């Protein structure tokens, strides 16, 4: 009976449960007195990426973030997490910076 139940569960499980096409890498960034932390992140090509960014300090010019290659510019309110969906990233680098382009970081897709 147990073999029958296991086989029934195996063959009735939707195939989409095993698909890897919907993987999302969530990256948590903080803005501190040291800038964006971490400021360099490695990502595998073809991975969908979501950034979650929290500004933890008032002593910074990074009160917003810009991601020029994605045409994104968003405010970073103090102690509130914002979410940015970058979609699927291909090989290369995705640079991000404060609005004044003084504090920056990079997503390295390789």
N, C-alpha and C. Protein backbone atom coordinates (compact mmCIF):
# COMPACT_ATOMS: atom_id res chain seq x y z
N UNK A 1 0.82 -1.19 0.00
CA UNK A 1 0.00 0.00 0.00
C UNK A 1 0.87 1.26 0.00
N UNK A 2 1.96 1.26 0.78
CA UNK A 2 2.82 2.43 0.83
C UNK A 2 3.46 2.72 -0.53
N UNK A 3 3.84 1.67 -1.27
CA UNK A 3 4.43 1.87 -2.59
C UNK A 3 3.43 2.49 -3.54
N UNK A 4 2.16 2.05 -3.42
CA UNK A 4 1.12 2.59 -4.28
C UNK A 4 0.90 4.07 -3.98
N UNK A 5 0.87 4.44 -2.70
CA UNK A 5 0.67 5.83 -2.31
C UNK A 5 1.82 6.70 -2.78
N UNK A 6 3.04 6.22 -2.62
CA UNK A 6 4.22 6.98 -3.07
C UNK A 6 4.20 7.19 -4.58
N UNK A 7 3.85 6.15 -5.32
CA UNK A 7 3.78 6.25 -6.77
C UNK A 7 2.67 7.21 -7.19
N UNK A 8 1.54 7.17 -6.51
CA UNK A 8 0.42 8.06 -6.83
C UNK A 8 0.82 9.52 -6.59
N UNK A 9 1.49 9.78 -5.48
CA UNK A 9 1.93 11.15 -5.18
C UNK A 9 2.96 11.63 -6.19
N UNK A 10 3.87 10.75 -6.58
CA UNK A 10 4.92 11.12 -7.53
C UNK A 10 4.32 11.52 -8.87
N UNK A 11 3.36 10.75 -9.35
CA UNK A 11 2.81 11.01 -10.68
C UNK A 11 1.71 12.05 -10.69
N UNK A 12 1.21 12.47 -9.53
CA UNK A 12 0.20 13.52 -9.51
C UNK A 12 0.78 14.87 -9.13
N UNK A 13 2.08 14.91 -8.78
CA UNK A 13 2.73 16.17 -8.45
C UNK A 13 2.94 16.96 -9.74
N UNK A 14 2.55 18.22 -9.79
CA UNK A 14 2.73 19.01 -11.02
C UNK A 14 4.21 19.11 -11.38
N UNK A 15 4.50 18.97 -12.66
CA UNK A 15 5.87 19.04 -13.15
C UNK A 15 6.49 20.40 -12.83
N UNK A 16 5.69 21.46 -12.78
CA UNK A 16 6.23 22.80 -12.56
C UNK A 16 6.93 22.93 -11.21
N UNK A 17 6.64 22.02 -10.28
CA UNK A 17 7.32 22.06 -8.98
C UNK A 17 8.81 21.80 -9.14
N UNK A 18 9.19 21.13 -10.20
CA UNK A 18 10.58 20.78 -10.40
C UNK A 18 11.30 21.74 -11.35
N UNK A 19 10.59 22.67 -11.95
CA UNK A 19 11.20 23.59 -12.91
C UNK A 19 12.08 24.60 -12.19
N UNK A 20 13.21 24.93 -12.79
CA UNK A 20 14.13 25.89 -12.21
C UNK A 20 14.05 27.24 -12.90
N UNK A 21 13.11 27.43 -13.80
CA UNK A 21 13.03 28.67 -14.56
C UNK A 21 12.53 29.84 -13.74
N UNK A 22 11.92 29.60 -12.60
CA UNK A 22 11.34 30.69 -11.81
C UNK A 22 12.18 31.03 -10.58
N UNK A 23 13.46 30.66 -10.56
CA UNK A 23 14.29 30.96 -9.40
C UNK A 23 14.54 32.46 -9.31
N UNK A 24 14.40 32.97 -8.10
CA UNK A 24 14.66 34.38 -7.84
C UNK A 24 15.68 34.48 -6.73
N UNK A 25 16.73 35.24 -6.96
CA UNK A 25 17.72 35.48 -5.92
C UNK A 25 17.39 36.81 -5.28
N UNK A 26 17.11 36.78 -3.98
CA UNK A 26 16.81 37.99 -3.22
C UNK A 26 18.09 38.45 -2.56
N UNK A 27 18.47 39.68 -2.85
CA UNK A 27 19.70 40.25 -2.30
C UNK A 27 19.32 41.39 -1.36
N UNK A 28 19.76 41.27 -0.12
CA UNK A 28 19.48 42.31 0.87
C UNK A 28 20.69 43.23 0.99
N UNK A 29 20.45 44.50 0.73
CA UNK A 29 21.48 45.53 0.84
C UNK A 29 21.11 46.49 1.95
N UNK A 30 22.13 47.03 2.58
CA UNK A 30 21.92 48.09 3.56
C UNK A 30 22.77 49.28 3.17
N UNK A 31 22.25 50.46 3.45
CA UNK A 31 23.04 51.67 3.30
C UNK A 31 23.45 52.06 4.72
N UNK A 32 24.77 52.05 4.96
CA UNK A 32 25.31 52.38 6.28
C UNK A 32 26.29 53.55 6.11
N UNK A 33 26.97 53.89 7.17
CA UNK A 33 28.01 54.92 7.09
C UNK A 33 29.13 54.51 6.13
N UNK A 34 29.23 53.23 5.83
CA UNK A 34 30.24 52.72 4.90
C UNK A 34 29.75 52.64 3.46
N UNK A 35 28.52 53.04 3.20
CA UNK A 35 27.96 52.96 1.85
C UNK A 35 27.03 51.77 1.70
N UNK A 36 26.92 51.26 0.46
CA UNK A 36 26.09 50.08 0.21
C UNK A 36 26.84 48.86 0.72
N UNK A 37 26.15 48.04 1.51
CA UNK A 37 26.74 46.81 2.03
C UNK A 37 25.83 45.64 1.77
N UNK A 38 26.29 44.60 1.11
CA UNK A 38 27.58 44.52 0.42
C UNK A 38 27.56 45.39 -0.84
N UNK A 39 28.74 45.74 -1.33
CA UNK A 39 28.79 46.59 -2.51
C UNK A 39 29.22 45.83 -3.76
N UNK A 40 29.48 44.54 -3.63
CA UNK A 40 29.81 43.70 -4.78
C UNK A 40 29.18 42.33 -4.55
N UNK A 41 28.33 41.91 -5.50
CA UNK A 41 27.59 40.65 -5.35
C UNK A 41 27.74 39.85 -6.63
N UNK A 42 28.07 38.57 -6.51
CA UNK A 42 28.17 37.67 -7.66
C UNK A 42 26.84 36.97 -7.87
N UNK A 43 26.45 36.88 -9.15
CA UNK A 43 25.18 36.26 -9.53
C UNK A 43 25.42 35.37 -10.74
N UNK A 44 24.70 34.26 -10.81
CA UNK A 44 24.78 33.38 -11.97
C UNK A 44 23.93 33.96 -13.10
N UNK A 45 24.41 33.87 -14.35
CA UNK A 45 23.62 34.36 -15.48
C UNK A 45 22.27 33.65 -15.57
N UNK A 46 21.26 34.40 -16.00
CA UNK A 46 19.93 33.84 -16.16
C UNK A 46 19.10 33.84 -14.89
N UNK A 47 19.65 34.37 -13.81
CA UNK A 47 18.95 34.41 -12.53
C UNK A 47 18.11 35.68 -12.44
N UNK A 48 16.89 35.55 -11.99
CA UNK A 48 16.05 36.71 -11.71
C UNK A 48 16.46 37.26 -10.35
N UNK A 49 16.60 38.57 -10.26
CA UNK A 49 17.13 39.19 -9.05
C UNK A 49 16.14 40.21 -8.50
N UNK A 50 15.95 40.16 -7.19
CA UNK A 50 15.19 41.16 -6.46
C UNK A 50 16.10 41.75 -5.40
N UNK A 51 16.18 43.08 -5.39
CA UNK A 51 16.95 43.78 -4.36
C UNK A 51 16.01 44.24 -3.26
N UNK A 52 16.44 44.07 -2.02
CA UNK A 52 15.74 44.62 -0.86
C UNK A 52 16.75 45.52 -0.16
N UNK A 53 16.47 46.82 -0.17
CA UNK A 53 17.44 47.80 0.30
C UNK A 53 16.87 48.58 1.48
N UNK A 54 17.66 48.69 2.55
CA UNK A 54 17.26 49.44 3.74
C UNK A 54 18.36 50.44 4.07
N UNK A 55 17.98 51.71 4.12
CA UNK A 55 18.94 52.74 4.54
C UNK A 55 18.91 52.83 6.05
N UNK A 56 20.07 52.63 6.69
CA UNK A 56 20.18 52.57 8.14
C UNK A 56 20.82 53.81 8.75
N UNK A 57 21.17 54.80 7.95
CA UNK A 57 21.86 55.97 8.46
C UNK A 57 21.35 57.24 7.80
N UNK A 58 21.44 58.34 8.54
CA UNK A 58 21.12 59.64 7.96
C UNK A 58 22.38 60.31 7.42
N UNK A 59 23.55 59.82 7.84
CA UNK A 59 24.84 60.41 7.46
C UNK A 59 25.31 59.84 6.13
N UNK A 60 24.56 60.08 5.08
CA UNK A 60 24.91 59.55 3.76
C UNK A 60 24.24 60.38 2.68
N UNK A 61 24.87 60.40 1.51
CA UNK A 61 24.20 61.02 0.36
C UNK A 61 23.34 59.98 -0.37
N UNK A 62 23.42 58.73 0.07
CA UNK A 62 22.65 57.65 -0.57
C UNK A 62 21.23 57.59 -0.04
N UNK A 63 20.51 58.68 -0.26
CA UNK A 63 19.10 58.72 0.12
C UNK A 63 18.21 58.25 -1.02
N UNK A 64 18.84 57.90 -2.15
CA UNK A 64 18.14 57.23 -3.24
C UNK A 64 19.14 56.33 -3.96
N UNK A 65 18.61 55.49 -4.82
CA UNK A 65 19.45 54.57 -5.59
C UNK A 65 19.09 54.73 -7.05
N UNK A 66 20.12 54.66 -7.88
CA UNK A 66 19.90 54.64 -9.32
C UNK A 66 20.60 53.43 -9.92
N UNK A 67 19.93 52.82 -10.88
CA UNK A 67 20.49 51.68 -11.62
C UNK A 67 20.33 52.05 -13.09
N UNK A 68 21.32 52.75 -13.65
CA UNK A 68 21.18 53.30 -15.00
C UNK A 68 20.83 52.27 -16.07
N UNK A 69 21.44 51.08 -16.04
CA UNK A 69 21.18 50.09 -17.09
C UNK A 69 19.74 49.59 -17.08
N UNK A 70 19.05 49.75 -15.97
CA UNK A 70 17.65 49.33 -15.85
C UNK A 70 16.70 50.53 -15.83
N UNK A 71 17.26 51.74 -15.95
CA UNK A 71 16.47 52.98 -15.93
C UNK A 71 15.62 53.08 -14.65
N UNK A 72 16.28 52.77 -13.52
CA UNK A 72 15.60 52.79 -12.22
C UNK A 72 16.21 53.87 -11.36
N UNK A 73 15.34 54.63 -10.69
CA UNK A 73 15.77 55.60 -9.68
C UNK A 73 14.68 55.61 -8.61
N UNK A 74 15.07 55.31 -7.36
CA UNK A 74 14.09 55.22 -6.27
C UNK A 74 14.65 55.86 -5.02
N UNK A 75 13.77 56.46 -4.23
CA UNK A 75 14.14 57.00 -2.93
C UNK A 75 14.38 55.85 -1.95
N UNK A 76 15.29 56.10 -1.00
CA UNK A 76 15.58 55.14 0.06
C UNK A 76 15.22 55.79 1.39
N UNK A 77 13.98 55.64 1.84
CA UNK A 77 13.59 56.23 3.12
C UNK A 77 14.34 55.57 4.28
N UNK A 78 14.60 56.33 5.30
CA UNK A 78 15.34 55.85 6.46
C UNK A 78 14.59 54.72 7.16
N UNK A 79 15.28 53.61 7.42
CA UNK A 79 14.77 52.45 8.16
C UNK A 79 13.54 51.79 7.53
N UNK A 80 13.36 51.95 6.23
CA UNK A 80 12.27 51.27 5.52
C UNK A 80 12.89 50.51 4.36
N UNK A 81 12.46 49.28 4.18
CA UNK A 81 12.99 48.44 3.11
C UNK A 81 12.19 48.68 1.84
N UNK A 82 12.91 48.94 0.75
CA UNK A 82 12.26 49.03 -0.55
C UNK A 82 12.68 47.81 -1.36
N UNK A 83 11.83 47.41 -2.28
CA UNK A 83 12.07 46.23 -3.10
C UNK A 83 12.14 46.65 -4.56
N UNK A 84 13.18 46.18 -5.24
CA UNK A 84 13.35 46.46 -6.66
C UNK A 84 13.52 45.14 -7.39
N UNK A 85 12.62 44.87 -8.34
CA UNK A 85 12.71 43.66 -9.16
C UNK A 85 13.53 43.99 -10.40
N UNK A 86 14.68 43.37 -10.55
CA UNK A 86 15.55 43.63 -11.70
C UNK A 86 15.29 42.68 -12.86
N UNK A 87 14.51 41.64 -12.62
CA UNK A 87 14.27 40.65 -13.67
C UNK A 87 15.46 39.74 -13.85
N UNK A 88 15.48 39.05 -14.97
CA UNK A 88 16.53 38.08 -15.27
C UNK A 88 17.78 38.81 -15.76
N UNK A 89 18.92 38.51 -15.16
CA UNK A 89 20.17 39.17 -15.52
C UNK A 89 21.06 38.26 -16.34
N UNK A 90 21.67 38.83 -17.37
CA UNK A 90 22.60 38.09 -18.22
C UNK A 90 24.03 38.51 -17.88
N UNK A 91 25.02 37.84 -18.47
CA UNK A 91 26.44 38.10 -18.16
C UNK A 91 26.77 39.57 -18.30
N UNK A 92 27.61 40.03 -17.38
CA UNK A 92 28.05 41.42 -17.40
C UNK A 92 27.97 42.00 -16.00
N UNK A 93 27.92 43.30 -15.92
CA UNK A 93 27.83 43.99 -14.63
C UNK A 93 26.64 44.93 -14.62
N UNK A 94 25.97 44.98 -13.49
CA UNK A 94 24.87 45.92 -13.27
C UNK A 94 25.31 46.81 -12.12
N UNK A 95 25.61 48.06 -12.46
CA UNK A 95 26.11 49.01 -11.47
C UNK A 95 24.94 49.74 -10.83
N UNK A 96 25.06 50.02 -9.54
CA UNK A 96 24.07 50.84 -8.84
C UNK A 96 24.81 51.88 -8.03
N UNK A 97 24.15 53.00 -7.77
CA UNK A 97 24.82 54.11 -7.08
C UNK A 97 23.79 55.01 -6.43
N UNK A 98 24.30 55.90 -5.58
CA UNK A 98 23.44 56.94 -5.00
C UNK A 98 23.11 57.94 -6.11
N UNK A 99 22.21 58.85 -5.83
CA UNK A 99 21.80 59.84 -6.83
C UNK A 99 22.92 60.75 -7.29
N UNK A 100 23.93 60.96 -6.45
CA UNK A 100 25.05 61.82 -6.80
C UNK A 100 26.19 61.02 -7.45
N UNK A 101 26.02 59.71 -7.57
CA UNK A 101 26.99 58.80 -8.17
C UNK A 101 28.32 58.78 -7.40
N UNK A 102 28.26 59.02 -6.09
CA UNK A 102 29.46 59.01 -5.26
C UNK A 102 29.64 57.69 -4.53
N UNK A 103 28.54 57.07 -4.12
CA UNK A 103 28.56 55.78 -3.42
C UNK A 103 27.95 54.76 -4.36
N UNK A 104 28.68 53.67 -4.61
CA UNK A 104 28.19 52.73 -5.63
C UNK A 104 28.47 51.29 -5.24
N UNK A 105 27.94 50.42 -6.06
CA UNK A 105 28.14 48.99 -5.93
C UNK A 105 27.90 48.34 -7.26
N UNK A 106 28.09 47.02 -7.33
CA UNK A 106 27.94 46.33 -8.59
C UNK A 106 27.43 44.91 -8.37
N UNK A 107 26.58 44.48 -9.28
CA UNK A 107 26.16 43.08 -9.37
C UNK A 107 26.99 42.49 -10.50
N UNK A 108 27.77 41.48 -10.20
CA UNK A 108 28.63 40.85 -11.21
C UNK A 108 27.98 39.55 -11.64
N UNK A 109 27.55 39.50 -12.90
CA UNK A 109 26.85 38.33 -13.42
C UNK A 109 27.84 37.53 -14.25
N UNK A 110 28.26 36.38 -13.66
CA UNK A 110 29.23 35.52 -14.38
C UNK A 110 29.02 34.07 -14.04
